[in-house]
Structure formats: C-alpha cells, structure tokens
Amino acid sequence: MLNKKFPRLLPEPISRNMRVAELIETTFKAYNGGRLAEGCRLLTQKMLPGNGCVGMTLTGALTPAGLGRAAVAPLMKAGFVDWIVSTGANLYHDLHFGLGMELYAGSPFLNDVDLRHDGVIRIYDILFDYAVLLDTDAFVRQVIQGPEFQKTMGTDEFHHLLGRYVHEREKTLGLKDTSVLSAAYQYGVPIFTSSPGDSSIGMNVAAMALRDSALQFDVNRDVNQTAAIVYDAKSGGLTSSVFILGGGSPKNFILQTEPQIQEVMGIEERGHDYFLQCTDARPDTGGLSGATPAEAVSWGKIDPDNLPDCVVCYTDSTIALPLITAYALSKHAPRPRKRLYDRRDAMLDALRAQYLKKGTVGKIEHRTDLKKKARPRTGRTAGTSAAGRKGKP
C-alpha cells in the first residue's frame, strides 16, 4: 500500500566524489533534510519552468555572511530570481562588499566590551572595523545628494539608482560580482524594502532630510508596484512563486500582494502558485515569520490547489541557501532575464486600469470563487508534488 503512494527510503552510500545535487537527491530523505530536497525539486521542477515569475525575500544577516555574492547574485544572473523584497539591513551590509570593504570570519565568543574599545563590530561570528560603517554611511550620503535622488520614489527605483553607483565603484576598484545591488541594477531586478526607515540606509536618508534633501520613499508605490508584478505574471498566464528566506516584514510584504489584488482591489485571483520558505520560526507563537502556507491559504495569499507543493524547511538560511543555489544552477538551465524593473510603469498602469474597472471605494462584495476551474498557467504541471506525492496540477 505505501509503495503506491510514497518513494522507498533507501539512500545510497555517500561517495568520495559525490556532487551537491546528487548528495541532496540521494541522502536528504527525511526531516528537514527531506524538506530541503523537496524545496530544491520545487524550485527546479515547478517554480522555474515555463518562465514562471519568482520573487525572493531576504531576512536575517545574509549579506554580511557573504551570501549576497555567493548565492543571491548568481541566482539573479541565471534568471532564477525576478524580484526581491529585502530588509534594509541586508542591502546596507551588501554595500560593504560592493565598495571593496573587508569583513572577517571571527568568533561568537569574543569579549564585546573589548571589541567596543577596539572599534570592532560583531554580527555573531562576523567581525569588521567600525570604519566600515562610517565609510558606508558617507558613501550613501554623498550619492543621494545627486539630482536624480531629489524626489519622491519607490524603493525599487531608489535601489536601482543606488545600484548603479555601486556598479560604477566596483568597476573603479576592479571588482566583479560582489554586490546584490549592483547585480540587480545590471539585470533589471527590482528590489523593494518593506520598512525603508528600519536600516542604516534609511537612517542616512533621514539625516539628509535635515539638510533639505528632497528624497522621500513612496511606500504606496511599493505596495501597488509589488502587486503589479504579481498581477502581470498571473494575468499573462505565468505562475507566481515566492522563495522566502527567514520571515519578518519582507515575508508579509511579498505575500500581501495577493490580498492587495483580491481583497482591496476587487480583482479575481486565487493566490501565489508556489511557496518555498527556509526559516527557524515556529508556527505556534502566532507570528507571521512562522505562519504556515496552509494558514496563508485562508487569507488568499496561496492558491489552495497548490498547497501540496508548498514547502517549509526549518533550517538556518545560511545552510539552505548555498545548497539550494548549487542544486538549482546544476539542475536547471539559465533563463532569459525578465528585467521587470524596465517595465515597472507599464505593469503599474495595467494594474491601475483593472482596479478602476473592478474595484470600489465601498465594500468589496465578492471573493474569488474557488469552485471555478483555475486558469491554465505555464509552469503548472500535473503529476507528483515536490514531496513525491501524487497531487493536483
């Protein structure tokens, strides 16, 4: 009976020259190793095929650990990540790499009072000189004095402009492929920050406002622009997937795109098609970081038909992301880059037209009829789920 529903658990012995993808496929069979393997298959077999749209979130200190350069930038370069929602802190620390500054692998057991006296900053076991902060702050303040920054803009536009300056600095220093912001600028990947004031970048923008800088962040544009990206994919017959690292505000910001379309704008939609999260947050505390994809279905954030293909791996993102990246790059050919940033105005105009046609100032009186057959989308395939279980398309 079981052999008709589930694959047999009989891993191959680990060999001397086994590659990452082979290791994951043959030995990651149970517990969170099993979930990690399911996540790898979900990404390469369902999220990426058919030119599906993939959004990624970055939470936790990933870029200080070097994972921006090691994993996020290669995924963008391969066309595997189409848009990003990040904490401001990850983008601020990404600047250190793009500006050629030095961070060091240290120890979490050092005396922090001594570090303070020595002018050393610690992020768990990562160490760098206090001057790294001061020099990065100065770079941000000097750059945003430029005339192109003297207006109100969405955070995607801000990060695109900032990424251009980082890219120019990389070229001056003879650096290549060091920065998420630089890579996003080169590949047309829009990057949003859900709480732009909650980071050293935002702190420097705020300080410059006291010097009469006209730079302001348009959070309304961000909410509508992210929803426009999802609507553009879904209305164009593509899948929309979310790849969530950690949780926090970026997780909600990327998922709320569907309620924005359905609940607020009154446009019929079913939810994101695929969901992959790597987190250490528990679901039983009620926080969004640990909220399960099943819970997200009730909000309209996830298409219920695809719930069997939602994967949560309870592990540190610094473990999961390198493995998933190596697996994906070896298992799926590079895709044409969507360059969504280049189409930002057109996508927003299309969403605005639908909202003015379907929406209302009063109460939205309908909800998507889940009894209706879902529209076919490129990339949604019938057969087994990422877990190897038989499921719906």
Protein backbone atom coordinates (compact mmCIF):
# COMPACT_ATOMS: atom_id res chain seq x y z
CA MET A 1 0.00 0.00 0.00
CA LEU A 2 2.67 2.53 1.00
CA ASN A 3 4.80 1.79 -2.04
CA LYS A 4 1.98 3.05 -4.27
CA LYS A 5 1.93 6.48 -2.59
CA PHE A 6 5.45 7.15 -1.35
CA PRO A 7 9.00 6.56 -2.58
CA ARG A 8 11.02 4.00 -0.65
CA LEU A 9 13.51 5.37 1.88
CA LEU A 10 16.76 3.66 0.90
CA PRO A 11 19.57 6.23 0.40
CA GLU A 12 22.73 5.42 -1.47
CA PRO A 13 26.01 5.45 0.49
CA ILE A 14 27.81 8.78 0.25
CA SER A 15 30.73 8.51 -2.13
CA ARG A 16 34.02 10.36 -2.29
CA ASN A 17 33.26 12.48 -5.36
CA MET A 18 29.51 12.97 -4.88
CA ARG A 19 28.24 16.34 -6.16
CA VAL A 20 25.88 18.62 -4.24
CA ALA A 21 22.79 17.81 -6.31
CA GLU A 22 23.46 14.08 -6.08
CA LEU A 23 24.02 14.34 -2.33
CA ILE A 24 20.68 16.11 -1.87
CA GLU A 25 18.78 13.73 -4.12
CA THR A 26 20.17 10.52 -2.68
CA THR A 27 20.66 11.23 1.04
CA PHE A 28 18.31 14.07 2.07
CA LYS A 29 15.34 11.78 2.68
CA ALA A 30 13.69 12.75 5.97
CA TYR A 31 13.05 15.53 8.50
CA ASN A 32 14.31 18.92 7.38
CA GLY A 33 16.83 17.30 5.08
CA GLY A 34 13.82 15.85 3.29
CA ARG A 35 12.12 19.24 3.24
CA LEU A 36 15.26 20.83 1.79
CA ALA A 37 15.31 18.23 -1.00
CA GLU A 38 11.62 18.91 -1.66
CA GLY A 39 12.38 22.63 -1.84
CA CYS A 40 15.14 22.02 -4.39
CA ARG A 41 12.79 19.99 -6.56
CA LEU A 42 10.00 22.52 -6.18
CA LEU A 43 12.27 25.32 -7.37
CA THR A 44 13.73 23.48 -10.35
CA GLN A 45 10.73 21.42 -11.44
CA LYS A 46 7.80 23.80 -10.85
CA MET A 47 8.81 27.35 -9.95
CA LEU A 48 11.39 27.90 -12.70
CA PRO A 49 9.89 26.02 -15.69
CA GLY A 50 7.56 27.84 -18.05
CA ASN A 51 9.24 31.19 -17.35
CA GLY A 52 7.36 31.48 -14.04
CA CYS A 53 7.86 34.65 -12.02
CA VAL A 54 9.94 34.11 -8.86
CA GLY A 55 10.08 36.59 -6.00
CA MET A 56 12.63 36.22 -3.20
CA THR A 57 12.77 37.68 0.30
CA LEU A 58 15.93 38.32 2.31
CA THR A 59 15.67 38.43 6.09
CA GLY A 60 18.37 37.89 8.69
CA ALA A 61 22.02 38.79 8.30
CA LEU A 62 22.61 37.01 4.98
CA THR A 63 24.72 39.56 3.10
CA PRO A 64 27.22 40.08 5.95
CA ALA A 65 27.83 36.33 5.75
CA GLY A 66 28.73 36.75 2.07
CA LEU A 67 25.61 35.04 0.71
CA GLY A 68 24.69 38.02 -1.45
CA ARG A 69 27.76 37.48 -3.58
CA ALA A 70 27.84 33.70 -3.16
CA ALA A 71 24.18 32.88 -3.83
CA VAL A 72 21.73 35.72 -4.45
CA ALA A 73 23.69 37.41 -7.25
CA PRO A 74 24.30 34.10 -9.12
CA LEU A 75 20.57 33.32 -8.92
CA MET A 76 19.73 36.72 -10.42
CA LYS A 77 22.38 36.29 -13.10
CA ALA A 78 20.89 32.91 -14.08
CA GLY A 79 17.42 34.46 -14.36
CA PHE A 80 16.15 32.40 -11.40
CA VAL A 81 15.11 35.38 -9.24
CA ASP A 82 12.96 38.06 -10.88
CA TRP A 83 12.27 40.43 -7.98
CA ILE A 84 13.28 40.80 -4.34
CA VAL A 85 11.92 42.14 -1.05
CA SER A 86 14.74 42.63 1.45
CA THR A 87 15.36 44.15 4.82
CA GLY A 88 17.25 47.41 4.53
CA ALA A 89 20.00 45.96 6.71
CA ASN A 90 20.82 43.26 4.15
CA LEU A 91 21.18 45.90 1.46
CA TYR A 92 23.25 48.16 3.70
CA HIS A 93 25.72 45.38 4.51
CA ASP A 94 25.73 44.38 0.84
CA LEU A 95 27.25 47.80 0.16
CA HIS A 96 30.39 46.85 2.12
CA PHE A 97 31.22 44.21 -0.49
CA GLY A 98 30.45 46.42 -3.47
CA LEU A 99 32.68 49.14 -2.02
CA GLY A 100 35.59 46.74 -1.50
CA MET A 101 35.48 46.79 2.30
CA GLU A 102 36.70 43.91 4.45
CA LEU A 103 34.64 41.66 6.72
CA TYR A 104 36.15 38.74 8.64
CA ALA A 105 35.06 35.31 9.85
CA GLY A 106 35.56 35.58 13.60
CA SER A 107 34.05 34.02 16.71
CA PRO A 108 30.80 34.48 18.67
CA PHE A 109 32.72 34.07 21.95
CA LEU A 110 34.73 37.28 21.99
CA ASN A 111 34.50 39.94 24.68
CA ASP A 112 32.18 42.62 23.31
CA VAL A 113 33.39 45.27 25.73
CA ASP A 114 36.90 44.76 24.38
CA LEU A 115 35.55 44.89 20.83
CA ARG A 116 33.86 48.20 21.58
CA HIS A 117 37.12 49.65 22.91
CA ASP A 118 38.94 48.34 19.82
CA GLY A 119 36.39 49.74 17.38
CA VAL A 120 35.26 46.33 16.11
CA ILE A 121 31.66 45.49 15.17
CA ARG A 122 30.32 41.96 15.69
CA ILE A 123 27.41 40.21 13.97
CA TYR A 124 27.52 36.89 15.82
CA ASP A 125 30.77 35.45 14.37
CA ILE A 126 31.34 38.12 11.69
CA LEU A 127 33.74 40.97 12.51
CA PHE A 128 34.57 44.26 10.83
CA ASP A 129 36.05 47.60 11.70
CA TYR A 130 33.79 50.45 12.82
CA ALA A 131 35.23 52.47 9.94
CA VAL A 132 33.33 50.15 7.56
CA LEU A 133 30.09 51.62 8.90
CA LEU A 134 31.37 55.20 8.74
CA ASP A 135 32.68 54.84 5.19
CA THR A 136 29.48 53.15 4.00
CA ASP A 137 27.37 55.87 5.62
CA ALA A 138 29.45 58.55 3.89
CA PHE A 139 29.03 56.80 0.53
CA VAL A 140 25.23 56.72 0.91
CA ARG A 141 25.01 60.36 1.98
CA GLN A 142 27.25 61.55 -0.85
CA VAL A 143 25.44 59.54 -3.51
CA ILE A 144 21.92 60.63 -2.53
CA GLN A 145 22.91 64.26 -2.90
CA GLY A 146 22.70 63.69 -6.67
CA PRO A 147 19.89 65.43 -8.56
CA GLU A 148 18.28 62.14 -9.61
CA PHE A 149 17.55 61.42 -5.94
CA GLN A 150 15.81 64.73 -5.21
CA LYS A 151 12.24 63.49 -5.45
CA THR A 152 9.77 61.01 -4.01
CA MET A 153 10.31 57.49 -5.35
CA GLY A 154 9.57 53.84 -4.71
CA THR A 155 12.28 51.82 -3.01
CA ASP A 156 12.78 49.81 -6.21
CA GLU A 157 13.77 52.99 -8.05
CA PHE A 158 15.96 54.08 -5.15
CA HIS A 159 17.83 50.77 -5.06
CA HIS A 160 18.20 50.79 -8.85
CA LEU A 161 19.83 54.22 -8.75
CA LEU A 162 21.98 53.26 -5.77
CA GLY A 163 22.97 50.02 -7.51
CA ARG A 164 24.24 52.00 -10.48
CA TYR A 165 26.67 53.89 -8.24
CA VAL A 166 27.78 50.65 -6.58
CA HIS A 167 28.37 49.11 -10.01
CA GLU A 168 30.49 52.09 -11.03
CA ARG A 169 32.52 51.81 -7.82
CA GLU A 170 33.06 48.08 -8.48
CA LYS A 171 34.46 48.88 -11.91
CA THR A 172 36.73 51.56 -10.47
CA LEU A 173 38.07 49.10 -7.88
CA GLY A 174 38.42 46.26 -10.38
CA LEU A 175 35.75 44.19 -8.60
CA LYS A 176 33.17 41.93 -10.22
CA ASP A 177 30.04 40.15 -9.00
CA THR A 178 30.39 41.35 -5.40
CA SER A 179 27.08 43.11 -4.70
CA VAL A 180 23.36 42.27 -4.81
CA LEU A 181 22.51 45.91 -5.52
CA SER A 182 24.98 46.06 -8.38
CA ALA A 183 23.74 42.79 -9.85
CA ALA A 184 20.11 43.90 -9.58
CA TYR A 185 20.96 47.10 -11.41
CA GLN A 186 22.71 45.18 -14.19
CA TYR A 187 19.98 42.53 -14.59
CA GLY A 188 16.90 44.75 -14.14
CA VAL A 189 15.77 43.01 -10.94
CA PRO A 190 13.61 45.33 -8.79
CA ILE A 191 14.45 45.30 -5.07
CA PHE A 192 11.97 46.60 -2.50
CA THR A 193 12.34 47.29 1.20
CA SER A 194 9.16 46.86 3.20
CA SER A 195 10.32 49.17 6.03
CA PRO A 196 12.83 51.61 4.49
CA GLY A 197 13.43 53.57 7.68
CA ASP A 198 14.50 50.46 9.59
CA SER A 199 18.14 50.32 8.49
CA SER A 200 21.30 52.38 8.24
CA ILE A 201 20.37 53.32 4.67
CA GLY A 202 17.11 54.78 5.91
CA MET A 203 18.88 56.45 8.82
CA ASN A 204 21.21 58.26 6.43
CA VAL A 205 18.30 59.29 4.20
CA ALA A 206 16.57 60.69 7.28
CA ALA A 207 19.68 62.61 8.32
CA MET A 208 19.97 64.15 4.86
CA ALA A 209 16.35 65.31 5.11
CA LEU A 210 17.57 67.66 7.86
CA ARG A 211 19.87 69.13 5.21
CA ASP A 212 16.85 69.75 2.98
CA SER A 213 17.24 66.66 0.80
CA ALA A 214 14.01 66.12 -1.15
CA LEU A 215 14.38 62.32 -1.18
CA GLN A 216 11.29 60.57 0.17
CA PHE A 217 10.19 56.94 -0.10
CA ASP A 218 6.81 56.30 -1.72
CA VAL A 219 5.52 53.31 0.24
CA ASN A 220 2.17 53.46 -1.60
CA ARG A 221 4.03 52.95 -4.86
CA ASP A 222 5.84 49.97 -3.35
CA VAL A 223 2.59 48.28 -2.26
CA ASN A 224 0.99 48.78 -5.66
CA GLN A 225 4.15 48.05 -7.65
CA THR A 226 4.72 44.68 -6.00
CA ALA A 227 1.07 43.78 -6.58
CA ALA A 228 1.50 44.86 -10.21
CA ILE A 229 4.40 42.44 -10.65
CA VAL A 230 2.27 39.54 -9.42
CA TYR A 231 -0.78 40.61 -11.44
CA ASP A 232 1.34 40.96 -14.57
CA ALA A 233 2.58 37.37 -14.20
CA LYS A 234 -0.78 35.84 -13.37
CA SER A 235 -2.80 37.75 -15.97
CA GLY A 236 -0.17 36.83 -18.56
CA GLY A 237 -0.59 33.10 -17.92
CA LEU A 238 2.57 32.63 -15.86
CA THR A 239 2.95 31.24 -12.37
CA SER A 240 3.88 33.41 -9.40
CA SER A 241 6.20 31.85 -6.82
CA VAL A 242 7.70 33.08 -3.56
CA PHE A 243 11.09 31.94 -2.21
CA ILE A 244 11.21 33.16 1.39
CA LEU A 245 14.43 33.25 3.39
CA GLY A 246 13.61 33.85 7.04
CA GLY A 247 10.35 35.66 7.72
CA GLY A 248 9.63 39.08 9.15
CA SER A 249 8.27 42.06 7.27
CA PRO A 250 9.61 41.01 3.83
CA LYS A 251 7.67 37.74 4.07
CA ASN A 252 4.39 39.53 4.61
CA PHE A 253 5.20 42.19 2.03
CA ILE A 254 5.70 39.65 -0.75
CA LEU A 255 2.65 37.59 0.26
CA GLN A 256 0.28 40.53 0.76
CA THR A 257 0.41 41.20 -2.98
CA GLU A 258 -2.40 38.68 -3.48
CA PRO A 259 -4.76 40.16 -0.82
CA GLN A 260 -3.98 43.58 -2.31
CA ILE A 261 -5.22 42.30 -5.68
CA GLN A 262 -8.22 40.34 -4.38
CA GLU A 263 -9.41 41.84 -1.09
CA VAL A 264 -8.54 45.51 -1.60
CA MET A 265 -8.75 45.98 -5.38
CA GLY A 266 -11.58 43.52 -6.04
CA ILE A 267 -9.77 41.73 -8.85
CA GLU A 268 -10.41 37.99 -9.05
CA GLU A 269 -7.30 35.94 -8.28
CA ARG A 270 -6.51 32.67 -6.47
CA GLY A 271 -3.15 33.28 -4.81
CA HIS A 272 0.52 32.62 -5.43
CA ASP A 273 1.14 29.29 -7.11
CA TYR A 274 4.24 28.06 -5.26
CA PHE A 275 5.70 28.74 -1.83
CA LEU A 276 9.17 27.81 -0.53
CA GLN A 277 10.36 29.05 2.87
CA CYS A 278 13.51 28.39 4.88
CA THR A 279 13.03 29.51 8.47
CA ASP A 280 13.70 28.73 12.11
CA ALA A 281 10.46 30.38 13.28
CA ARG A 282 7.77 28.28 14.97
CA PRO A 283 4.13 28.49 13.82
CA ASP A 284 2.58 28.13 17.28
CA THR A 285 3.54 31.59 18.56
CA GLY A 286 1.19 33.31 16.11
CA GLY A 287 3.89 35.39 14.44
CA LEU A 288 3.95 35.91 10.69
CA SER A 289 7.52 34.58 10.39
CA GLY A 290 6.40 31.08 11.32
CA ALA A 291 2.93 31.19 9.77
CA THR A 292 2.43 28.16 7.54
CA PRO A 293 1.40 28.22 3.87
CA ALA A 294 -1.82 26.47 4.91
CA GLU A 295 -2.67 29.49 7.05
CA ALA A 296 -1.78 31.74 4.11
CA VAL A 297 -4.39 29.91 2.00
CA SER A 298 -7.15 31.24 4.27
CA TRP A 299 -6.02 34.79 3.51
CA GLY A 300 -5.98 34.26 -0.24
CA LYS A 301 -2.18 34.50 -0.34
CA ILE A 302 -1.66 30.96 -1.70
CA ASP A 303 -3.71 29.07 -4.29
CA PRO A 304 -5.30 26.17 -2.36
CA ASP A 305 -4.97 23.84 -5.34
CA ASN A 306 -1.20 24.05 -5.00
CA LEU A 307 -0.93 23.60 -1.23
CA PRO A 308 0.71 20.14 -1.66
CA ASP A 309 3.55 21.95 -3.44
CA CYS A 310 4.25 24.39 -0.62
CA VAL A 311 7.46 23.56 1.26
CA VAL A 312 8.72 24.87 4.60
CA CYS A 313 12.22 23.80 5.60
CA TYR A 314 13.02 24.53 9.24
CA THR A 315 16.69 25.31 9.00
CA ASP A 316 19.16 28.19 9.00
CA SER A 317 19.08 30.06 5.69
CA THR A 318 22.89 30.19 5.69
CA ILE A 319 22.80 26.38 5.35
CA ALA A 320 19.85 26.08 2.99
CA LEU A 321 20.57 28.89 0.51
CA PRO A 322 24.00 27.69 -0.68
CA LEU A 323 22.69 24.15 -1.12
CA ILE A 324 19.55 25.24 -2.98
CA THR A 325 21.58 27.58 -5.17
CA ALA A 326 24.12 24.90 -6.10
CA TYR A 327 21.33 22.43 -6.81
CA ALA A 328 19.35 24.86 -8.98
CA LEU A 329 22.35 26.01 -11.02
CA SER A 330 23.30 22.42 -11.77
CA LYS A 331 19.78 21.17 -12.49
CA HIS A 332 18.14 23.96 -14.49
CA ALA A 333 19.45 25.88 -17.48
CA PRO A 334 19.72 29.67 -17.15
CA ARG A 335 16.53 31.53 -18.09
CA PRO A 336 16.13 34.76 -20.04
CA ARG A 337 16.07 37.60 -17.52
CA LYS A 338 12.67 39.30 -17.28
CA ARG A 339 14.12 42.73 -16.44
CA LEU A 340 10.94 43.65 -14.58
CA TYR A 341 12.39 46.97 -13.49
CA ASP A 342 12.34 48.16 -17.11
CA ARG A 343 8.57 47.53 -17.25
CA ARG A 344 7.61 48.98 -13.87
CA ASP A 345 5.46 51.84 -15.21
CA ALA A 346 3.63 49.66 -17.74
CA MET A 347 2.85 47.00 -15.11
CA LEU A 348 1.53 49.59 -12.68
CA ASP A 349 -0.63 51.18 -15.38
CA ALA A 350 -2.16 47.78 -16.20
CA LEU A 351 -2.99 47.12 -12.55
CA ARG A 352 -4.44 50.61 -12.15
CA ALA A 353 -6.73 50.06 -15.14
CA GLN A 354 -8.04 46.80 -13.69
CA TYR A 355 -8.56 48.32 -10.26
CA LEU A 356 -10.52 51.27 -11.64
CA LYS A 357 -12.61 48.79 -13.64
CA LYS A 358 -13.20 46.18 -10.91
CA GLY A 359 -12.64 47.96 -7.61
CA THR A 360 -14.75 50.27 -5.49
CA VAL A 361 -14.41 52.71 -2.60
CA GLY A 362 -17.13 50.80 -0.78
CA LYS A 363 -17.08 47.24 0.49
CA ILE A 364 -15.88 44.57 -1.93
CA GLU A 365 -18.91 42.31 -2.17
CA HIS A 366 -17.35 39.20 -3.70
CA ARG A 367 -14.49 36.81 -3.19
CA THR A 368 -12.77 34.62 -5.77
CA ASP A 369 -14.95 31.58 -6.49
CA LEU A 370 -12.65 28.64 -5.81
CA LYS A 371 -15.13 26.29 -7.43
CA LYS A 372 -14.22 27.76 -10.78
CA LYS A 373 -11.50 25.87 -12.57
CA ALA A 374 -8.20 27.69 -12.31
CA ARG A 375 -6.93 29.28 -15.49
CA PRO A 376 -4.13 27.20 -17.01
CA ARG A 377 -0.70 28.70 -16.39
CA THR A 378 2.62 27.97 -17.99
CA GLY A 379 4.70 26.04 -15.46
CA ARG A 380 1.79 24.45 -13.57
CA THR A 381 2.08 20.76 -14.25
CA ALA A 382 0.11 17.75 -13.19
CA GLY A 383 1.69 14.70 -11.58
CA THR A 384 3.50 14.32 -8.30
CA SER A 385 4.24 17.04 -5.82
CA ALA A 386 7.76 18.10 -4.87
CA ALA A 387 7.47 15.64 -1.99
CA GLY A 388 6.87 12.76 -4.40
CA ARG A 389 3.17 12.53 -3.53
CA LYS A 390 0.51 12.41 -6.21
CA GLY A 391 -1.28 15.75 -6.39
CA LYS A 392 -3.28 18.17 -8.47
CA PRO A 393 -1.69 20.38 -11.13
